[in-house]
Amino acid sequence: MGYYTVLFDRATDEFWERLGFGPAYLEATGHTTYAAEFHIRYLREVKLGDRLHSVVWMVDHDAKRLHTFQELRHRDGWLAATGEGMILHVDTSGPKVVPMPADIMARVAAIAQAHARLPRPDGVGGRIGISRKG
């Protein structure tokens, strides 16, 4: 199970680079992102050696938080897992949650606007619980 988390995390690292949150950002500003929550749905098993890719959506955001959703897909196209996260922008000197700088917010807003035009992925906002119906 833990390897799914690693795969989602690695895909997020690549996405973060596009937004400007890479290692150079941390070194220059002392700011980074922390995952406040991350929920995984395990839908189909993958095996060692399987070729996979991840797609990341920016579901929502504000000055300090990012709501993301990811799909982990096998190269044959089937969905193996989804991951949904609430990510915080953090000043590591506190640590404390702080607003993102304007240049990164502009990139986040542009991506969120583009993703809002796409069909909403199945599973966004899912809840966990036991149904007590009859």
C-alpha atoms as a PDB file:
ATOM      1  CA  MET A   1       0.000   0.000   0.000  1.00  0.00           C
ATOM      2  CA  GLY A   2       2.783   2.403   0.844  1.00  0.00           C
ATOM      3  CA  TYR A   3       4.166   2.324  -2.691  1.00  0.00           C
ATOM      4  CA  TYR A   4       0.967   3.885  -4.041  1.00  0.00           C
ATOM      5  CA  THR A   5       1.628   6.828  -1.719  1.00  0.00           C
ATOM      6  CA  VAL A   6       5.200   7.072  -3.002  1.00  0.00           C
ATOM      7  CA  LEU A   7       3.966   7.084  -6.613  1.00  0.00           C
ATOM      8  CA  PHE A   8       1.421   9.806  -5.880  1.00  0.00           C
ATOM      9  CA  ASP A   9       4.073  11.825  -4.038  1.00  0.00           C
ATOM     10  CA  ARG A  10       6.578  11.558  -6.915  1.00  0.00           C
ATOM     11  CA  ALA A  11       3.931  12.696  -9.419  1.00  0.00           C
ATOM     12  CA  THR A  12       3.066  15.620  -7.143  1.00  0.00           C
ATOM     13  CA  ASP A  13       6.755  16.597  -7.015  1.00  0.00           C
ATOM     14  CA  GLU A  14       6.758  16.952 -10.810  1.00  0.00           C
ATOM     15  CA  PHE A  15       3.527  18.976 -10.730  1.00  0.00           C
ATOM     16  CA  TRP A  16       4.931  21.176  -7.945  1.00  0.00           C
ATOM     17  CA  GLU A  17       7.972  22.008 -10.097  1.00  0.00           C
ATOM     18  CA  ARG A  18       5.600  23.455 -12.717  1.00  0.00           C
ATOM     19  CA  LEU A  19       4.017  25.620 -10.027  1.00  0.00           C
ATOM     20  CA  GLY A  20       7.368  26.765  -8.619  1.00  0.00           C
ATOM     21  CA  PHE A  21       7.423  24.704  -5.400  1.00  0.00           C
ATOM     22  CA  GLY A  22      10.613  22.764  -6.140  1.00  0.00           C
ATOM     23  CA  PRO A  23      13.694  22.362  -3.934  1.00  0.00           C
ATOM     24  CA  ALA A  24      15.068  25.740  -5.081  1.00  0.00           C
ATOM     25  CA  TYR A  25      11.920  27.426  -3.750  1.00  0.00           C
ATOM     26  CA  LEU A  26      12.392  25.866  -0.315  1.00  0.00           C
ATOM     27  CA  GLU A  27      16.054  26.841  -0.252  1.00  0.00           C
ATOM     28  CA  ALA A  28      15.374  30.442  -1.363  1.00  0.00           C
ATOM     29  CA  THR A  29      12.299  31.140   0.779  1.00  0.00           C
ATOM     30  CA  GLY A  30      12.139  28.620   3.614  1.00  0.00           C
ATOM     31  CA  HIS A  31       8.613  27.841   2.380  1.00  0.00           C
ATOM     32  CA  THR A  32       7.277  24.536   1.131  1.00  0.00           C
ATOM     33  CA  THR A  33       4.101  22.472   1.146  1.00  0.00           C
ATOM     34  CA  TYR A  34       2.864  19.967   3.711  1.00  0.00           C
ATOM     35  CA  ALA A  35       0.092  17.439   3.210  1.00  0.00           C
ATOM     36  CA  ALA A  36      -2.633  18.020   5.804  1.00  0.00           C
ATOM     37  CA  GLU A  37      -4.702  15.092   4.502  1.00  0.00           C
ATOM     38  CA  PHE A  38      -4.327  12.523   1.751  1.00  0.00           C
ATOM     39  CA  HIS A  39      -6.950   9.890   0.958  1.00  0.00           C
ATOM     40  CA  ILE A  40      -6.219   6.946  -1.319  1.00  0.00           C
ATOM     41  CA  ARG A  41      -8.722   4.669  -3.009  1.00  0.00           C
ATOM     42  CA  TYR A  42      -7.088   1.368  -3.997  1.00  0.00           C
ATOM     43  CA  LEU A  43      -9.064   0.233  -7.029  1.00  0.00           C
ATOM     44  CA  ARG A  44      -6.891  -2.333  -8.769  1.00  0.00           C
ATOM     45  CA  GLU A  45      -3.599  -3.961  -7.911  1.00  0.00           C
ATOM     46  CA  VAL A  46      -0.437  -3.068  -9.783  1.00  0.00           C
ATOM     47  CA  LYS A  47       2.600  -5.303  -9.926  1.00  0.00           C
ATOM     48  CA  LEU A  48       6.321  -4.668  -9.797  1.00  0.00           C
ATOM     49  CA  GLY A  49       7.422  -3.614 -13.272  1.00  0.00           C
ATOM     50  CA  ASP A  50       4.030  -2.258 -14.379  1.00  0.00           C
ATOM     51  CA  ARG A  51       4.244   1.007 -16.296  1.00  0.00           C
ATOM     52  CA  LEU A  52       2.094   3.679 -14.665  1.00  0.00           C
ATOM     53  CA  HIS A  53       1.358   7.366 -14.987  1.00  0.00           C
ATOM     54  CA  SER A  54      -0.426   9.872 -12.797  1.00  0.00           C
ATOM     55  CA  VAL A  55      -2.662  12.776 -13.705  1.00  0.00           C
ATOM     56  CA  VAL A  56      -3.027  15.626 -11.196  1.00  0.00           C
ATOM     57  CA  TRP A  57      -6.004  18.010 -11.001  1.00  0.00           C
ATOM     58  CA  MET A  58      -6.130  21.267  -9.091  1.00  0.00           C
ATOM     59  CA  VAL A  59      -9.645  20.950  -7.665  1.00  0.00           C
ATOM     60  CA  ASP A  60      -9.654  24.117  -5.558  1.00  0.00           C
ATOM     61  CA  HIS A  61      -7.318  26.546  -3.843  1.00  0.00           C
ATOM     62  CA  ASP A  62      -7.103  29.635  -1.709  1.00  0.00           C
ATOM     63  CA  ALA A  63      -4.146  31.742  -0.585  1.00  0.00           C
ATOM     64  CA  LYS A  64      -2.798  29.044   1.756  1.00  0.00           C
ATOM     65  CA  ARG A  65      -4.295  25.717   0.627  1.00  0.00           C
ATOM     66  CA  LEU A  66      -4.466  23.467  -2.416  1.00  0.00           C
ATOM     67  CA  HIS A  67      -7.064  20.749  -2.963  1.00  0.00           C
ATOM     68  CA  THR A  68      -5.663  18.199  -5.409  1.00  0.00           C
ATOM     69  CA  PHE A  69      -6.904  14.982  -6.950  1.00  0.00           C
ATOM     70  CA  GLN A  70      -4.812  12.352  -8.710  1.00  0.00           C
ATOM     71  CA  GLU A  71      -5.376   9.258 -10.749  1.00  0.00           C
ATOM     72  CA  LEU A  72      -2.803   6.501 -11.001  1.00  0.00           C
ATOM     73  CA  ARG A  73      -3.289   4.677 -14.283  1.00  0.00           C
ATOM     74  CA  HIS A  74      -1.722   1.608 -15.808  1.00  0.00           C
ATOM     75  CA  ARG A  75      -0.191   2.113 -19.257  1.00  0.00           C
ATOM     76  CA  ASP A  76      -3.080   0.010 -20.635  1.00  0.00           C
ATOM     77  CA  GLY A  77      -5.420   2.771 -19.449  1.00  0.00           C
ATOM     78  CA  TRP A  78      -7.134   1.200 -16.452  1.00  0.00           C
ATOM     79  CA  LEU A  79      -7.442   3.080 -13.187  1.00  0.00           C
ATOM     80  CA  ALA A  80      -5.406   1.580 -10.335  1.00  0.00           C
ATOM     81  CA  ALA A  81      -5.920   4.186  -7.604  1.00  0.00           C
ATOM     82  CA  THR A  82      -6.961   7.732  -6.831  1.00  0.00           C
ATOM     83  CA  GLY A  83      -5.494  10.125  -4.295  1.00  0.00           C
ATOM     84  CA  GLU A  84      -7.059  13.283  -2.929  1.00  0.00           C
ATOM     85  CA  GLY A  85      -5.135  15.800  -0.898  1.00  0.00           C
ATOM     86  CA  MET A  86      -5.414  18.971   1.136  1.00  0.00           C
ATOM     87  CA  ILE A  87      -2.043  20.656   0.883  1.00  0.00           C
ATOM     88  CA  LEU A  88      -0.839  23.581   2.997  1.00  0.00           C
ATOM     89  CA  HIS A  89       1.700  26.263   2.059  1.00  0.00           C
ATOM     90  CA  VAL A  90       4.058  26.446   5.043  1.00  0.00           C
ATOM     91  CA  ASP A  91       6.815  28.711   6.333  1.00  0.00           C
ATOM     92  CA  THR A  92       9.169  26.135   7.816  1.00  0.00           C
ATOM     93  CA  SER A  93      10.629  28.587  10.347  1.00  0.00           C
ATOM     94  CA  GLY A  94       7.412  28.359  12.403  1.00  0.00           C
ATOM     95  CA  PRO A  95       6.297  26.093  11.050  1.00  0.00           C
ATOM     96  CA  LYS A  96       3.109  27.933  10.182  1.00  0.00           C
ATOM     97  CA  VAL A  97       0.688  28.084   7.290  1.00  0.00           C
ATOM     98  CA  VAL A  98       1.205  31.234   5.206  1.00  0.00           C
ATOM     99  CA  PRO A  99      -0.100  32.690   1.917  1.00  0.00           C
ATOM    100  CA  MET A 100       1.629  31.727  -1.318  1.00  0.00           C
ATOM    101  CA  PRO A 101       3.542  34.433  -3.197  1.00  0.00           C
ATOM    102  CA  ALA A 102       1.751  36.211  -6.048  1.00  0.00           C
ATOM    103  CA  ASP A 103       3.722  34.551  -8.867  1.00  0.00           C
ATOM    104  CA  ILE A 104       2.892  31.055  -7.629  1.00  0.00           C
ATOM    105  CA  MET A 105      -0.731  32.014  -6.923  1.00  0.00           C
ATOM    106  CA  ALA A 106      -1.019  33.186 -10.532  1.00  0.00           C
ATOM    107  CA  ARG A 107       0.203  29.802 -11.811  1.00  0.00           C
ATOM    108  CA  VAL A 108      -2.079  27.946  -9.377  1.00  0.00           C
ATOM    109  CA  ALA A 109      -5.079  30.036 -10.446  1.00  0.00           C
ATOM    110  CA  ALA A 110      -4.354  29.494 -14.146  1.00  0.00           C
ATOM    111  CA  ILE A 111      -4.087  25.731 -13.721  1.00  0.00           C
ATOM    112  CA  ALA A 112      -7.179  25.606 -11.512  1.00  0.00           C
ATOM    113  CA  GLN A 113      -9.135  27.581 -14.119  1.00  0.00           C
ATOM    114  CA  ALA A 114      -8.020  25.223 -16.898  1.00  0.00           C
ATOM    115  CA  HIS A 115      -8.843  22.151 -14.788  1.00  0.00           C
ATOM    116  CA  ALA A 116     -12.282  23.567 -13.910  1.00  0.00           C
ATOM    117  CA  ARG A 117     -13.206  23.270 -17.598  1.00  0.00           C
ATOM    118  CA  LEU A 118     -12.473  19.524 -17.552  1.00  0.00           C
ATOM    119  CA  PRO A 119     -14.965  16.906 -16.417  1.00  0.00           C
ATOM    120  CA  ARG A 120     -14.723  16.430 -12.655  1.00  0.00           C
ATOM    121  CA  PRO A 121     -12.929  13.139 -11.949  1.00  0.00           C
ATOM    122  CA  ASP A 122     -14.941  10.356 -10.364  1.00  0.00           C
ATOM    123  CA  GLY A 123     -14.208  10.142  -6.651  1.00  0.00           C
ATOM    124  CA  VAL A 124     -13.491  13.801  -5.852  1.00  0.00           C
ATOM    125  CA  GLY A 125     -14.803  14.604  -2.390  1.00  0.00           C
ATOM    126  CA  GLY A 126     -15.493  10.979  -1.561  1.00  0.00           C
ATOM    127  CA  ARG A 127     -16.255  10.067   2.029  1.00  0.00           C
ATOM    128  CA  ILE A 128     -15.448   7.042   4.068  1.00  0.00           C
ATOM    129  CA  GLY A 129     -17.997   5.383   6.292  1.00  0.00           C
ATOM    130  CA  ILE A 130     -20.233   2.388   6.845  1.00  0.00           C
ATOM    131  CA  SER A 131     -23.723   2.653   5.453  1.00  0.00           C
ATOM    132  CA  ARG A 132     -26.417   1.702   7.987  1.00  0.00           C
ATOM    133  CA  LYS A 133     -29.228   1.338   5.443  1.00  0.00           C
ATOM    134  CA  GLY A 134     -31.622  -1.523   6.168  1.00  0.00           C
END
